[in-house]
Protein backbone atom coordinates (compact mmCIF):
# COMPACT_ATOMS: atom_id res chain seq x y z
CA MET A 1 39.55 38.75 48.96
CA GLN A 2 38.33 38.05 52.45
CA VAL A 3 35.51 35.61 53.21
CA THR A 4 34.00 34.62 56.53
CA VAL A 5 33.08 31.09 57.53
CA ARG A 6 31.72 30.10 60.93
CA GLY A 7 32.62 33.56 62.24
CA TYR A 8 36.27 33.43 61.17
CA PRO A 9 37.77 35.56 58.39
CA PHE A 10 39.88 33.89 55.70
CA ASP A 11 42.03 35.67 53.14
CA LEU A 12 41.88 34.07 49.69
CA ASP A 13 44.47 35.02 47.08
CA GLU A 14 42.30 35.51 44.00
CA ARG A 15 45.29 34.92 41.71
CA PHE A 16 44.95 31.20 42.50
CA LEU A 17 41.22 31.00 41.74
CA ASP A 18 39.75 30.79 38.25
CA ALA A 19 36.33 32.17 39.12
CA PRO A 20 34.80 35.61 39.54
CA PRO A 21 34.76 36.91 43.13
CA GLU A 22 30.95 36.72 43.35
CA LYS A 23 31.03 32.99 42.51
CA VAL A 24 33.74 32.39 45.12
CA ARG A 25 31.76 34.27 47.78
CA GLU A 26 28.54 32.46 46.84
CA GLN A 27 30.14 29.02 47.12
CA VAL A 28 31.97 29.82 50.35
CA ALA A 29 28.71 31.12 51.85
CA ALA A 30 26.91 27.92 50.79
CA TYR A 31 29.71 25.85 52.35
CA GLY A 32 29.41 27.81 55.60
CA ALA A 33 25.63 27.31 55.59
CA GLY A 34 26.05 23.55 55.20
CA GLU A 35 24.61 23.59 51.68
CA ARG A 36 27.84 22.72 49.84
CA THR A 37 30.47 20.06 50.53
CA ALA A 38 32.75 20.74 47.56
CA PHE A 39 33.79 23.77 45.56
CA ASP A 40 33.33 24.09 41.83
CA LEU A 41 36.12 26.62 41.39
CA GLY A 42 39.26 26.32 39.32
CA VAL A 43 42.36 26.37 41.52
CA ALA A 44 45.78 27.15 40.06
CA LEU A 45 48.32 24.91 41.74
CA PRO A 46 51.82 26.36 41.92
CA GLU A 47 54.80 24.26 40.91
CA GLY A 48 56.79 22.44 43.54
CA LEU A 49 55.92 21.07 46.94
CA LEU A 50 53.25 23.67 47.69
CA GLY A 51 51.30 22.65 44.59
CA GLU A 52 51.74 18.96 45.40
CA VAL A 53 50.50 19.46 48.95
CA MET A 54 47.57 21.57 47.73
CA ALA A 55 46.60 18.78 45.29
CA ALA A 56 46.78 16.25 48.12
CA MET A 57 44.60 18.48 50.33
CA LEU A 58 42.03 18.81 47.55
CA ALA A 59 41.77 15.01 47.50
CA ILE A 60 40.75 14.79 51.18
CA PRO A 61 36.98 14.24 51.27
CA TYR A 62 34.65 16.58 53.13
CA GLY A 63 34.38 15.62 56.79
CA GLU A 64 37.58 13.55 56.78
CA THR A 65 41.12 14.31 57.87
CA ARG A 66 44.62 13.15 57.05
CA THR A 67 47.74 13.63 59.13
CA TYR A 68 50.77 15.64 58.11
CA GLY A 69 52.58 12.29 58.10
CA ASP A 70 50.02 10.71 55.77
CA LEU A 71 50.57 13.46 53.20
CA ALA A 72 54.34 13.35 53.75
CA ALA A 73 54.43 9.62 53.01
CA GLU A 74 52.24 10.09 49.93
CA LEU A 75 54.50 12.86 48.62
CA ASP A 76 57.82 11.35 49.76
CA THR A 77 58.73 14.34 51.92
CA GLY A 78 58.76 15.26 55.60
CA ALA A 79 55.80 16.06 57.81
CA VAL A 80 57.32 19.43 58.74
CA ALA A 81 57.57 20.34 55.04
CA VAL A 82 53.90 19.41 54.60
CA GLY A 83 52.99 21.58 57.59
CA GLN A 84 54.90 24.51 56.14
CA ALA A 85 53.13 24.07 52.81
CA CYS A 86 49.77 23.91 54.57
CA GLY A 87 50.65 27.17 56.30
CA SER A 88 51.42 28.74 52.91
CA ASN A 89 48.10 27.71 51.35
CA PRO A 90 46.93 30.82 49.46
CA VAL A 91 43.27 29.76 49.38
CA PRO A 92 42.30 28.23 52.73
CA VAL A 93 38.83 26.69 52.99
CA VAL A 94 38.70 26.25 49.19
CA VAL A 95 41.84 24.11 49.42
CA PRO A 96 41.07 22.43 52.75
CA CYS A 97 44.29 22.74 54.76
CA HIS A 98 42.07 22.50 57.86
CA ARG A 99 41.64 18.79 57.07
CA VAL A 100 45.32 18.11 57.76
CA VAL A 101 45.95 17.35 61.43
CA GLY A 102 48.72 16.10 63.67
CA THR A 103 48.98 12.48 64.71
CA ASP A 104 48.11 13.25 68.33
CA SER A 105 46.76 16.77 68.07
CA LEU A 106 44.78 19.15 65.95
CA GLY A 107 47.99 20.74 64.69
CA GLY A 108 48.47 24.36 63.77
CA PHE A 109 46.52 26.66 61.52
CA SER A 110 47.97 29.84 60.07
CA ALA A 111 44.69 31.51 59.09
CA ALA A 112 43.07 34.10 61.34
CA GLY A 113 41.64 32.40 64.39
CA GLY A 114 44.39 29.77 64.46
CA PRO A 115 43.51 26.31 65.75
CA ALA A 116 40.09 27.51 66.98
CA ALA A 117 39.13 28.33 63.38
CA LYS A 118 40.46 24.94 62.24
CA ARG A 119 38.38 23.18 64.89
CA ALA A 120 35.29 25.19 63.87
CA LEU A 121 35.68 24.12 60.23
CA LEU A 122 36.21 20.48 61.14
CA ASP A 123 33.28 20.51 63.58
CA HIS A 124 31.14 22.09 60.87
CA GLU A 125 32.07 19.35 58.41
CA ARG A 126 31.27 16.70 60.96
CA GLY A 127 27.77 18.01 61.56
CA GLN A 128 28.64 20.33 64.45
CA GLN A 129 29.89 17.41 66.52
CA LYS A 130 32.93 17.99 68.69
CA LEU A 131 36.01 16.16 67.50
CA SER A 132 36.43 13.35 69.98
CA ALA A 133 40.04 12.53 69.09
CA TYR A 134 41.43 16.02 69.76
C-alpha cells in the first residue's frame, strides 16, 4: 500500500502489518497531521538482523534520532549492516528508519524522495524546525 506523508509517497508492505489498510491509512494521516506520535499497529518483525534493526528503530522515541553506529553497538554489528537493514525496512514511517542518521550527516534514505523525505519527516517530528546539526 502507498501512503503519503508531508508530500512524499511511502510504500508499506502490508504483509508486515497486523492491521486493516484503513486503520494504517488513518494512523499515518494522523501522524502526518501532527495528531499522532506513535502507531498502534502490529508489526511483524522478520528473523535475523533486519528484524533486530527494526525493533531497535521502533524503540527510538518520536522526535529523537540515533546514529547507525549507536544501533550497531547495541546490536553488536557494523554500521554499514545497520544502514543496509534500514534501507530494507518494509514499512517506513511506521518503523521509523528516518530516525537513524549518520554521525556527521543526515545519512541516506531509500524511500521515494531520498534524504529530502527523511529531512521532512525529522523536521515534522521536531515541530517543523530545521535540523541544526545537519
